[in-house]
Amino acid sequence: LTCKMRLGWDEAAYEGGCAAELACRLVRVGVAAITVHGRTTEMRFKGQCRHDGIRRVVEAVAALTGAYGNGGVPVIGNGDVRTPEDCVRMLRETGCAGVMIGRGSLGAPWIFRDCWALQTTGVVPPPPSEGEKIAIIRRWFDRMVGFRSERHALAQIRSRISWLGKEINGSHCRWLKDAIRAAQTPGDVHAALDGWL
């Protein structure tokens, strides 16, 4: 069992150390890993992710269970990871065992590759070519059809094409976005992607 949480409901809860206390209580009842989004609930997605708050949770859980890597429960940081440098900064500033990437992957799904490369080689690879980006979108869509359903996949790609399109042709791909939004079948999606290429 794992858990994802925020730093508390509001500023008072954050200042009072609510997140560290809750994380320790969760560990005591058997949670095997905790992900912490570095904002309060009231902040929603506004303001900056608070690395110091995540660090407090990491330190509290390590004090209770031992450091991750020595048998301790891993704490995973989340929030404002849009670049590989953001990922490395999160790891360095919080001491977390890993990083969860959410919205940062919606427009650039290759961020996972780039984060891993920066951590392991110190170098971020060049961005994918336009053809590679289209292939990534196609694979994501096909997997969504295979694992969920055509209906779900069509709804998802229609809503996500604005994010994905930000990285295609310098965000100048209105024709592709419009064609994807109008797609009624998976074949229409593939025809739009083929037409763009």
N, C-alpha and C. Protein backbone atom coordinates (compact mmCIF):
# COMPACT_ATOMS: atom_id res chain seq x y z
N LEU A 1 0.84 -1.18 0.00
CA LEU A 1 0.00 0.00 0.00
C LEU A 1 0.88 1.24 0.00
N THR A 2 0.60 2.16 -0.89
CA THR A 2 1.32 3.43 -0.93
C THR A 2 0.31 4.56 -0.73
N CYS A 3 0.81 5.75 -0.50
CA CYS A 3 -0.06 6.89 -0.23
C CYS A 3 0.53 8.14 -0.89
N LYS A 4 -0.36 8.98 -1.42
CA LYS A 4 0.06 10.29 -1.91
C LYS A 4 -0.65 11.34 -1.07
N MET A 5 0.10 12.34 -0.65
CA MET A 5 -0.47 13.36 0.22
C MET A 5 0.10 14.73 -0.15
N ARG A 6 -0.46 15.75 0.46
CA ARG A 6 0.06 17.10 0.33
C ARG A 6 0.65 17.52 1.67
N LEU A 7 1.09 18.76 1.76
CA LEU A 7 1.75 19.25 2.96
C LEU A 7 0.77 19.68 4.06
N GLY A 8 -0.50 19.41 3.86
CA GLY A 8 -1.53 19.79 4.82
C GLY A 8 -2.65 20.47 4.08
N TRP A 9 -3.72 20.78 4.83
CA TRP A 9 -4.86 21.43 4.19
C TRP A 9 -4.57 22.90 3.89
N ASP A 10 -3.97 23.59 4.86
CA ASP A 10 -3.75 25.02 4.70
C ASP A 10 -2.41 25.41 5.32
N GLU A 11 -2.15 26.70 5.35
CA GLU A 11 -0.87 27.19 5.85
C GLU A 11 -0.64 26.84 7.31
N ALA A 12 -1.68 26.90 8.11
CA ALA A 12 -1.55 26.57 9.53
C ALA A 12 -1.15 25.10 9.70
N ALA A 13 -1.76 24.21 8.93
CA ALA A 13 -1.40 22.79 9.00
C ALA A 13 0.04 22.58 8.55
N TYR A 14 0.43 23.29 7.50
CA TYR A 14 1.82 23.20 7.02
C TYR A 14 2.80 23.65 8.09
N GLU A 15 2.54 24.81 8.65
CA GLU A 15 3.43 25.34 9.68
C GLU A 15 3.47 24.45 10.92
N GLY A 16 2.37 23.77 11.20
CA GLY A 16 2.30 22.89 12.36
C GLY A 16 2.93 21.52 12.16
N GLY A 17 3.42 21.24 10.95
CA GLY A 17 4.08 19.95 10.71
C GLY A 17 3.13 18.80 10.47
N CYS A 18 1.94 19.13 10.00
CA CYS A 18 0.92 18.12 9.75
C CYS A 18 1.42 16.99 8.84
N ALA A 19 2.13 17.32 7.78
CA ALA A 19 2.53 16.32 6.79
C ALA A 19 3.50 15.30 7.38
N ALA A 20 4.48 15.76 8.13
CA ALA A 20 5.44 14.83 8.73
C ALA A 20 4.74 13.91 9.72
N GLU A 21 3.84 14.47 10.52
CA GLU A 21 3.10 13.67 11.50
C GLU A 21 2.22 12.63 10.80
N LEU A 22 1.49 13.07 9.76
CA LEU A 22 0.61 12.15 9.03
C LEU A 22 1.44 11.05 8.36
N ALA A 23 2.56 11.41 7.76
CA ALA A 23 3.40 10.40 7.09
C ALA A 23 3.84 9.33 8.08
N CYS A 24 4.25 9.73 9.26
CA CYS A 24 4.68 8.75 10.28
C CYS A 24 3.52 7.88 10.73
N ARG A 25 2.35 8.46 10.86
CA ARG A 25 1.17 7.67 11.24
C ARG A 25 0.85 6.65 10.15
N LEU A 26 0.98 7.07 8.90
CA LEU A 26 0.73 6.15 7.79
C LEU A 26 1.73 5.00 7.78
N VAL A 27 2.99 5.30 8.03
CA VAL A 27 4.01 4.26 8.08
C VAL A 27 3.70 3.26 9.20
N ARG A 28 3.26 3.77 10.32
CA ARG A 28 2.95 2.89 11.47
C ARG A 28 1.81 1.91 11.18
N VAL A 29 0.92 2.26 10.24
CA VAL A 29 -0.17 1.35 9.90
C VAL A 29 0.12 0.53 8.65
N GLY A 30 1.36 0.61 8.15
CA GLY A 30 1.78 -0.29 7.08
C GLY A 30 2.00 0.28 5.70
N VAL A 31 1.92 1.58 5.52
CA VAL A 31 2.18 2.15 4.20
C VAL A 31 3.64 1.90 3.81
N ALA A 32 3.86 1.40 2.60
CA ALA A 32 5.20 1.00 2.16
C ALA A 32 5.97 2.12 1.46
N ALA A 33 5.29 3.15 1.01
CA ALA A 33 5.94 4.29 0.36
C ALA A 33 4.97 5.47 0.39
N ILE A 34 5.54 6.68 0.46
CA ILE A 34 4.72 7.89 0.53
C ILE A 34 5.20 8.88 -0.52
N THR A 35 4.25 9.41 -1.28
CA THR A 35 4.54 10.49 -2.21
C THR A 35 3.99 11.77 -1.61
N VAL A 36 4.80 12.83 -1.63
CA VAL A 36 4.40 14.11 -1.06
C VAL A 36 4.42 15.18 -2.14
N HIS A 37 3.24 15.76 -2.40
CA HIS A 37 3.16 16.92 -3.28
C HIS A 37 3.49 18.14 -2.42
N GLY A 38 4.41 18.96 -2.86
CA GLY A 38 4.94 20.05 -2.05
C GLY A 38 4.10 21.31 -1.97
N ARG A 39 2.78 21.15 -1.91
CA ARG A 39 1.87 22.27 -1.70
C ARG A 39 0.79 21.84 -0.73
N THR A 40 0.10 22.80 -0.14
CA THR A 40 -1.07 22.49 0.67
C THR A 40 -2.27 22.31 -0.26
N THR A 41 -3.33 21.76 0.29
CA THR A 41 -4.55 21.57 -0.50
C THR A 41 -5.11 22.92 -0.95
N GLU A 42 -5.10 23.91 -0.05
CA GLU A 42 -5.64 25.22 -0.42
C GLU A 42 -4.83 25.91 -1.52
N MET A 43 -3.54 25.58 -1.63
CA MET A 43 -2.71 26.17 -2.68
C MET A 43 -3.10 25.65 -4.06
N ARG A 44 -3.70 24.46 -4.09
CA ARG A 44 -4.01 23.78 -5.35
C ARG A 44 -2.73 23.66 -6.17
N PHE A 45 -2.66 24.29 -7.35
CA PHE A 45 -1.43 24.24 -8.16
C PHE A 45 -0.81 25.62 -8.28
N LYS A 46 -1.11 26.50 -7.34
CA LYS A 46 -0.56 27.86 -7.36
C LYS A 46 0.64 27.93 -6.43
N GLY A 47 1.46 28.94 -6.63
CA GLY A 47 2.63 29.09 -5.78
C GLY A 47 3.71 28.08 -6.13
N GLN A 48 4.76 28.11 -5.37
CA GLN A 48 5.90 27.23 -5.62
C GLN A 48 5.82 25.96 -4.79
N CYS A 49 6.27 24.86 -5.35
CA CYS A 49 6.41 23.63 -4.60
C CYS A 49 7.41 23.88 -3.48
N ARG A 50 7.08 23.43 -2.28
CA ARG A 50 7.92 23.68 -1.11
C ARG A 50 8.82 22.48 -0.82
N HIS A 51 10.03 22.58 -1.29
CA HIS A 51 10.98 21.50 -1.06
C HIS A 51 11.27 21.31 0.42
N ASP A 52 11.27 22.38 1.18
CA ASP A 52 11.56 22.26 2.61
C ASP A 52 10.49 21.43 3.31
N GLY A 53 9.24 21.54 2.89
CA GLY A 53 8.17 20.73 3.47
C GLY A 53 8.34 19.25 3.14
N ILE A 54 8.72 18.97 1.91
CA ILE A 54 8.98 17.57 1.53
C ILE A 54 10.16 17.04 2.34
N ARG A 55 11.20 17.86 2.48
CA ARG A 55 12.38 17.44 3.25
C ARG A 55 12.00 17.09 4.69
N ARG A 56 11.09 17.87 5.28
CA ARG A 56 10.66 17.57 6.66
C ARG A 56 9.99 16.20 6.74
N VAL A 57 9.20 15.85 5.72
CA VAL A 57 8.57 14.53 5.69
C VAL A 57 9.64 13.45 5.54
N VAL A 58 10.59 13.66 4.63
CA VAL A 58 11.68 12.69 4.44
C VAL A 58 12.41 12.46 5.75
N GLU A 59 12.75 13.54 6.44
CA GLU A 59 13.50 13.42 7.70
C GLU A 59 12.69 12.73 8.79
N ALA A 60 11.40 13.03 8.88
CA ALA A 60 10.56 12.41 9.91
C ALA A 60 10.42 10.90 9.66
N VAL A 61 10.19 10.53 8.40
CA VAL A 61 10.04 9.11 8.07
C VAL A 61 11.37 8.38 8.28
N ALA A 62 12.48 9.01 7.91
CA ALA A 62 13.80 8.40 8.13
C ALA A 62 14.08 8.22 9.62
N ALA A 63 13.68 9.18 10.43
CA ALA A 63 13.89 9.06 11.88
C ALA A 63 13.08 7.89 12.44
N LEU A 64 11.93 7.62 11.85
CA LEU A 64 11.07 6.54 12.32
C LEU A 64 11.51 5.17 11.80
N THR A 65 11.90 5.11 10.51
CA THR A 65 12.13 3.81 9.86
C THR A 65 13.57 3.56 9.44
N GLY A 66 14.40 4.56 9.54
CA GLY A 66 15.74 4.47 8.98
C GLY A 66 15.74 5.09 7.60
N ALA A 67 16.92 5.43 7.14
CA ALA A 67 17.04 6.08 5.84
C ALA A 67 16.67 5.11 4.72
N TYR A 68 16.07 5.66 3.68
CA TYR A 68 15.78 4.83 2.51
C TYR A 68 17.12 4.35 1.95
N GLY A 69 17.16 3.12 1.56
CA GLY A 69 18.42 2.51 1.12
C GLY A 69 19.00 1.64 2.22
N ASN A 70 18.62 1.93 3.45
CA ASN A 70 19.01 1.11 4.60
C ASN A 70 17.78 0.49 5.24
N GLY A 71 16.77 0.22 4.43
CA GLY A 71 15.56 -0.42 4.93
C GLY A 71 14.42 0.52 5.23
N GLY A 72 14.66 1.82 5.16
CA GLY A 72 13.62 2.79 5.48
C GLY A 72 12.57 2.90 4.40
N VAL A 73 11.44 3.49 4.78
CA VAL A 73 10.33 3.69 3.86
C VAL A 73 10.67 4.84 2.92
N PRO A 74 10.54 4.64 1.61
CA PRO A 74 10.86 5.71 0.67
C PRO A 74 9.80 6.81 0.66
N VAL A 75 10.28 8.04 0.56
CA VAL A 75 9.42 9.20 0.38
C VAL A 75 9.74 9.76 -1.00
N ILE A 76 8.70 9.95 -1.81
CA ILE A 76 8.85 10.40 -3.19
C ILE A 76 8.34 11.83 -3.28
N GLY A 77 9.14 12.70 -3.87
CA GLY A 77 8.76 14.11 -4.01
C GLY A 77 7.97 14.34 -5.28
N ASN A 78 7.06 15.33 -5.22
CA ASN A 78 6.20 15.65 -6.35
C ASN A 78 5.88 17.13 -6.34
N GLY A 79 5.87 17.73 -7.54
CA GLY A 79 5.48 19.12 -7.68
C GLY A 79 6.49 19.94 -8.44
N ASP A 80 6.02 20.62 -9.49
CA ASP A 80 6.84 21.55 -10.28
C ASP A 80 8.05 20.90 -10.95
N VAL A 81 7.94 19.64 -11.34
CA VAL A 81 9.04 19.00 -12.06
C VAL A 81 8.69 19.05 -13.55
N ARG A 82 9.26 20.05 -14.22
CA ARG A 82 8.98 20.26 -15.65
C ARG A 82 10.20 20.04 -16.52
N THR A 83 11.37 19.97 -15.88
CA THR A 83 12.62 19.77 -16.62
C THR A 83 13.48 18.75 -15.88
N PRO A 84 14.46 18.19 -16.54
CA PRO A 84 15.38 17.28 -15.84
C PRO A 84 16.10 17.98 -14.69
N GLU A 85 16.40 19.25 -14.86
CA GLU A 85 17.07 20.00 -13.79
C GLU A 85 16.17 20.13 -12.57
N ASP A 86 14.85 20.29 -12.79
CA ASP A 86 13.89 20.32 -11.68
C ASP A 86 13.91 19.01 -10.91
N CYS A 87 14.03 17.91 -11.62
CA CYS A 87 14.06 16.59 -11.00
C CYS A 87 15.29 16.45 -10.10
N VAL A 88 16.44 16.81 -10.62
CA VAL A 88 17.69 16.70 -9.84
C VAL A 88 17.64 17.64 -8.64
N ARG A 89 17.10 18.83 -8.84
CA ARG A 89 16.97 19.79 -7.72
C ARG A 89 16.07 19.22 -6.63
N MET A 90 14.96 18.61 -7.02
CA MET A 90 14.05 18.00 -6.04
C MET A 90 14.79 16.95 -5.22
N LEU A 91 15.51 16.08 -5.88
CA LEU A 91 16.25 15.03 -5.18
C LEU A 91 17.28 15.63 -4.22
N ARG A 92 18.02 16.59 -4.71
CA ARG A 92 19.10 17.20 -3.92
C ARG A 92 18.55 17.99 -2.72
N GLU A 93 17.53 18.79 -2.93
CA GLU A 93 17.04 19.69 -1.88
C GLU A 93 16.15 19.00 -0.86
N THR A 94 15.55 17.87 -1.21
CA THR A 94 14.63 17.21 -0.28
C THR A 94 15.20 15.93 0.32
N GLY A 95 16.14 15.31 -0.37
CA GLY A 95 16.64 14.01 0.08
C GLY A 95 15.67 12.88 -0.21
N CYS A 96 14.66 13.14 -1.03
CA CYS A 96 13.66 12.12 -1.33
C CYS A 96 14.29 10.96 -2.11
N ALA A 97 13.61 9.81 -2.04
CA ALA A 97 14.11 8.60 -2.69
C ALA A 97 13.82 8.57 -4.18
N GLY A 98 12.87 9.36 -4.62
CA GLY A 98 12.49 9.38 -6.02
C GLY A 98 11.60 10.58 -6.29
N VAL A 99 11.24 10.73 -7.55
CA VAL A 99 10.45 11.88 -7.97
C VAL A 99 9.26 11.38 -8.79
N MET A 100 8.07 11.89 -8.48
CA MET A 100 6.88 11.61 -9.27
C MET A 100 6.65 12.83 -10.17
N ILE A 101 6.46 12.58 -11.45
CA ILE A 101 6.24 13.66 -12.41
C ILE A 101 4.81 13.54 -12.92
N GLY A 102 4.06 14.63 -12.81
CA GLY A 102 2.68 14.64 -13.26
C GLY A 102 2.51 15.52 -14.48
N ARG A 103 2.07 16.77 -14.26
CA ARG A 103 1.77 17.67 -15.37
C ARG A 103 2.97 17.92 -16.27
N GLY A 104 4.18 17.84 -15.72
CA GLY A 104 5.38 18.06 -16.54
C GLY A 104 5.53 17.05 -17.66
N SER A 105 4.86 15.91 -17.53
CA SER A 105 4.96 14.88 -18.57
C SER A 105 3.87 15.00 -19.62
N LEU A 106 2.88 15.84 -19.38
CA LEU A 106 1.76 15.92 -20.32
C LEU A 106 2.16 16.51 -21.67
N GLY A 107 3.04 17.47 -21.66
CA GLY A 107 3.47 18.07 -22.92
C GLY A 107 4.76 17.46 -23.46
N ALA A 108 5.53 16.85 -22.59
CA ALA A 108 6.82 16.28 -23.00
C ALA A 108 7.01 14.93 -22.31
N PRO A 109 6.36 13.88 -22.81
CA PRO A 109 6.45 12.58 -22.15
C PRO A 109 7.86 12.02 -22.07
N TRP A 110 8.77 12.55 -22.87
CA TRP A 110 10.17 12.10 -22.84
C TRP A 110 10.93 12.68 -21.65
N ILE A 111 10.25 13.44 -20.78
CA ILE A 111 10.91 14.00 -19.61
C ILE A 111 11.50 12.90 -18.72
N PHE A 112 10.88 11.73 -18.70
CA PHE A 112 11.39 10.63 -17.88
C PHE A 112 12.76 10.19 -18.39
N ARG A 113 12.87 10.05 -19.70
CA ARG A 113 14.16 9.70 -20.32
C ARG A 113 15.20 10.76 -19.99
N ASP A 114 14.81 12.02 -20.10
CA ASP A 114 15.75 13.12 -19.88
C ASP A 114 16.19 13.22 -18.42
N CYS A 115 15.26 13.00 -17.50
CA CYS A 115 15.60 13.04 -16.07
C CYS A 115 16.58 11.93 -15.73
N TRP A 116 16.30 10.74 -16.24
CA TRP A 116 17.19 9.61 -15.96
C TRP A 116 18.57 9.86 -16.56
N ALA A 117 18.61 10.37 -17.76
CA ALA A 117 19.90 10.64 -18.41
C ALA A 117 20.71 11.66 -17.62
N LEU A 118 20.07 12.71 -17.16
CA LEU A 118 20.79 13.73 -16.39
C LEU A 118 21.33 13.15 -15.09
N GLN A 119 20.55 12.30 -14.45
CA GLN A 119 21.01 11.70 -13.19
C GLN A 119 22.15 10.71 -13.40
N THR A 120 22.10 9.96 -14.48
CA THR A 120 23.07 8.88 -14.66
C THR A 120 24.28 9.26 -15.51
N THR A 121 24.12 10.26 -16.38
CA THR A 121 25.25 10.63 -17.25
C THR A 121 25.67 12.08 -17.08
N GLY A 122 24.81 12.89 -16.47
CA GLY A 122 25.09 14.31 -16.32
C GLY A 122 24.75 15.12 -17.55
N VAL A 123 24.16 14.48 -18.56
CA VAL A 123 23.85 15.15 -19.83
C VAL A 123 22.39 14.88 -20.20
N VAL A 124 21.71 15.94 -20.61
CA VAL A 124 20.34 15.80 -21.12
C VAL A 124 20.43 15.56 -22.63
N PRO A 125 19.82 14.48 -23.12
CA PRO A 125 19.89 14.22 -24.56
C PRO A 125 19.14 15.29 -25.36
N PRO A 126 19.44 15.39 -26.64
CA PRO A 126 18.69 16.34 -27.47
C PRO A 126 17.21 15.95 -27.51
N PRO A 127 16.35 16.95 -27.75
CA PRO A 127 14.92 16.63 -27.83
C PRO A 127 14.64 15.65 -28.96
N PRO A 128 13.57 14.89 -28.84
CA PRO A 128 13.19 13.99 -29.93
C PRO A 128 12.90 14.79 -31.20
N SER A 129 13.09 14.15 -32.33
CA SER A 129 12.72 14.77 -33.61
C SER A 129 11.20 14.87 -33.68
N GLU A 130 10.71 15.63 -34.66
CA GLU A 130 9.26 15.75 -34.83
C GLU A 130 8.64 14.37 -35.09
N GLY A 131 9.32 13.56 -35.89
CA GLY A 131 8.82 12.21 -36.16
C GLY A 131 8.78 11.36 -34.91
N GLU A 132 9.79 11.48 -34.07
CA GLU A 132 9.81 10.73 -32.81
C GLU A 132 8.70 11.20 -31.88
N LYS A 133 8.44 12.51 -31.86
CA LYS A 133 7.36 13.03 -31.02
C LYS A 133 6.01 12.47 -31.48
N ILE A 134 5.78 12.43 -32.76
CA ILE A 134 4.53 11.87 -33.29
C ILE A 134 4.45 10.38 -32.95
N ALA A 135 5.58 9.67 -33.06
CA ALA A 135 5.59 8.24 -32.71
C ALA A 135 5.26 8.03 -31.23
N ILE A 136 5.74 8.91 -30.37
CA ILE A 136 5.44 8.81 -28.94
C ILE A 136 3.94 9.02 -28.71
N ILE A 137 3.37 10.03 -29.36
CA ILE A 137 1.94 10.28 -29.22
C ILE A 137 1.14 9.08 -29.72
N ARG A 138 1.56 8.54 -30.86
CA ARG A 138 0.86 7.39 -31.44
C ARG A 138 0.91 6.18 -30.49
N ARG A 139 2.10 5.93 -29.93
CA ARG A 139 2.25 4.79 -29.03
C ARG A 139 1.39 4.99 -27.77
N TRP A 140 1.41 6.21 -27.23
CA TRP A 140 0.59 6.51 -26.04
C TRP A 140 -0.88 6.26 -26.35
N PHE A 141 -1.33 6.75 -27.50
CA PHE A 141 -2.73 6.58 -27.89
C PHE A 141 -3.07 5.10 -28.06
N ASP A 142 -2.21 4.35 -28.77
CA ASP A 142 -2.47 2.93 -29.00
C ASP A 142 -2.50 2.14 -27.69
N ARG A 143 -1.62 2.49 -26.77
CA ARG A 143 -1.62 1.82 -25.47
C ARG A 143 -2.89 2.16 -24.69
N MET A 144 -3.35 3.38 -24.80
CA MET A 144 -4.58 3.78 -24.13
C MET A 144 -5.75 2.97 -24.69
N VAL A 145 -5.78 2.80 -26.01
CA VAL A 145 -6.84 1.97 -26.63
C VAL A 145 -6.72 0.54 -26.10
N GLY A 146 -5.51 0.00 -26.07
CA GLY A 146 -5.31 -1.38 -25.66
C GLY A 146 -5.59 -1.65 -24.20
N PHE A 147 -5.23 -0.72 -23.34
CA PHE A 147 -5.40 -0.94 -21.91
C PHE A 147 -6.73 -0.44 -21.37
N ARG A 148 -7.36 0.49 -22.05
CA ARG A 148 -8.63 1.03 -21.57
C ARG A 148 -9.73 0.73 -22.60
N SER A 149 -9.95 1.66 -23.52
CA SER A 149 -10.96 1.46 -24.56
C SER A 149 -10.78 2.55 -25.61
N GLU A 150 -11.38 2.33 -26.77
CA GLU A 150 -11.30 3.35 -27.83
C GLU A 150 -11.95 4.65 -27.35
N ARG A 151 -13.08 4.53 -26.72
CA ARG A 151 -13.81 5.73 -26.25
C ARG A 151 -12.94 6.54 -25.28
N HIS A 152 -12.36 5.85 -24.31
CA HIS A 152 -11.51 6.53 -23.32
C HIS A 152 -10.29 7.15 -24.00
N ALA A 153 -9.65 6.40 -24.88
CA ALA A 153 -8.45 6.89 -25.57
C ALA A 153 -8.77 8.13 -26.40
N LEU A 154 -9.90 8.13 -27.09
CA LEU A 154 -10.28 9.29 -27.89
C LEU A 154 -10.53 10.50 -26.99
N ALA A 155 -11.20 10.30 -25.87
CA ALA A 155 -11.44 11.42 -24.95
C ALA A 155 -10.12 11.96 -24.41
N GLN A 156 -9.21 11.07 -24.07
CA GLN A 156 -7.93 11.50 -23.51
C GLN A 156 -7.08 12.25 -24.54
N ILE A 157 -6.98 11.73 -25.74
CA ILE A 157 -6.11 12.41 -26.72
C ILE A 157 -6.71 13.75 -27.12
N ARG A 158 -8.03 13.83 -27.17
CA ARG A 158 -8.65 15.12 -27.48
C ARG A 158 -8.32 16.16 -26.41
N SER A 159 -8.34 15.73 -25.16
CA SER A 159 -8.08 16.69 -24.08
C SER A 159 -6.58 16.95 -23.89
N ARG A 160 -5.73 16.02 -24.27
CA ARG A 160 -4.28 16.17 -24.05
C ARG A 160 -3.52 16.74 -25.25
N ILE A 161 -4.15 16.83 -26.40
CA ILE A 161 -3.41 17.28 -27.58
C ILE A 161 -2.92 18.72 -27.44
N SER A 162 -3.60 19.53 -26.65
CA SER A 162 -3.11 20.90 -26.43
C SER A 162 -1.77 20.87 -25.71
N TRP A 163 -1.65 20.01 -24.68
CA TRP A 163 -0.37 19.87 -23.97
C TRP A 163 0.69 19.29 -24.89
N LEU A 164 0.35 18.19 -25.56
CA LEU A 164 1.32 17.52 -26.43
C LEU A 164 1.75 18.43 -27.58
N GLY A 165 0.83 19.23 -28.07
CA GLY A 165 1.13 20.11 -29.19
C GLY A 165 2.10 21.23 -28.86
N LYS A 166 2.28 21.52 -27.58
CA LYS A 166 3.23 22.59 -27.20
C LYS A 166 4.64 22.27 -27.63
N GLU A 167 4.95 20.99 -27.79
CA GLU A 167 6.30 20.59 -28.14
C GLU A 167 6.45 20.21 -29.61
N ILE A 168 5.38 20.38 -30.38
CA ILE A 168 5.43 20.03 -31.80
C ILE A 168 5.52 21.30 -32.64
N ASN A 169 6.53 21.38 -33.48
CA ASN A 169 6.72 22.49 -34.39
C ASN A 169 6.66 23.83 -33.65
N GLY A 170 7.32 23.88 -32.50
CA GLY A 170 7.33 25.12 -31.73
C GLY A 170 5.94 25.56 -31.31
N SER A 171 5.05 24.62 -31.11
CA SER A 171 3.66 24.85 -30.71
C SER A 171 2.79 25.38 -31.85
N HIS A 172 3.33 25.36 -33.07
CA HIS A 172 2.57 25.80 -34.23
C HIS A 172 2.04 24.58 -34.98
N CYS A 173 1.00 23.99 -34.43
CA CYS A 173 0.45 22.78 -35.05
C CYS A 173 -1.07 22.77 -34.92
N ARG A 174 -1.67 23.90 -35.15
CA ARG A 174 -3.12 24.02 -34.98
C ARG A 174 -3.88 23.01 -35.83
N TRP A 175 -3.42 22.79 -37.07
CA TRP A 175 -4.10 21.81 -37.93
C TRP A 175 -4.15 20.45 -37.27
N LEU A 176 -3.02 20.01 -36.70
CA LEU A 176 -2.97 18.72 -36.05
C LEU A 176 -3.90 18.68 -34.83
N LYS A 177 -3.84 19.72 -34.01
CA LYS A 177 -4.71 19.76 -32.83
C LYS A 177 -6.18 19.71 -33.23
N ASP A 178 -6.56 20.49 -34.24
CA ASP A 178 -7.96 20.50 -34.68
C ASP A 178 -8.38 19.14 -35.23
N ALA A 179 -7.50 18.51 -36.00
CA ALA A 179 -7.82 17.19 -36.56
C ALA A 179 -7.98 16.14 -35.47
N ILE A 180 -7.14 16.20 -34.44
CA ILE A 180 -7.24 15.24 -33.33
C ILE A 180 -8.54 15.50 -32.56
N ARG A 181 -8.85 16.75 -32.30
CA ARG A 181 -10.07 17.06 -31.55
C ARG A 181 -11.33 16.62 -32.31
N ALA A 182 -11.27 16.62 -33.65
CA ALA A 182 -12.42 16.22 -34.45
C ALA A 182 -12.48 14.71 -34.70
N ALA A 183 -11.44 13.99 -34.31
CA ALA A 183 -11.36 12.55 -34.58
C ALA A 183 -12.53 11.81 -33.92
N GLN A 184 -13.14 10.94 -34.69
CA GLN A 184 -14.26 10.13 -34.18
C GLN A 184 -13.86 8.67 -33.96
N THR A 185 -12.74 8.27 -34.57
CA THR A 185 -12.29 6.88 -34.46
C THR A 185 -10.76 6.87 -34.28
N PRO A 186 -10.21 5.76 -33.81
CA PRO A 186 -8.76 5.65 -33.76
C PRO A 186 -8.12 5.85 -35.14
N GLY A 187 -8.80 5.38 -36.18
CA GLY A 187 -8.28 5.58 -37.53
C GLY A 187 -8.15 7.06 -37.88
N ASP A 188 -9.09 7.88 -37.40
CA ASP A 188 -9.01 9.32 -37.63
C ASP A 188 -7.80 9.92 -36.92
N VAL A 189 -7.51 9.44 -35.73
CA VAL A 189 -6.33 9.93 -35.00
C VAL A 189 -5.08 9.58 -35.77
N HIS A 190 -4.97 8.32 -36.21
CA HIS A 190 -3.78 7.89 -36.96
C HIS A 190 -3.67 8.65 -38.29
N ALA A 191 -4.79 8.92 -38.93
CA ALA A 191 -4.75 9.68 -40.18
C ALA A 191 -4.26 11.10 -39.92
N ALA A 192 -4.67 11.70 -38.82
CA ALA A 192 -4.20 13.06 -38.48
C ALA A 192 -2.69 13.05 -38.22
N LEU A 193 -2.22 12.06 -37.47
CA LEU A 193 -0.78 11.97 -37.18
C LEU A 193 0.00 11.72 -38.45
N ASP A 194 -0.51 10.83 -39.32
CA ASP A 194 0.15 10.58 -40.61
C ASP A 194 0.15 11.83 -41.47
N GLY A 195 -0.98 12.55 -41.48
CA GLY A 195 -1.08 13.77 -42.28
C GLY A 195 -0.11 14.82 -41.81
N TRP A 196 0.12 14.89 -40.51
CA TRP A 196 1.07 15.88 -39.98
C TRP A 196 2.49 15.54 -40.45
N LEU A 197 2.82 14.26 -40.43
CA LEU A 197 4.17 13.86 -40.87
C LEU A 197 4.36 14.14 -42.35
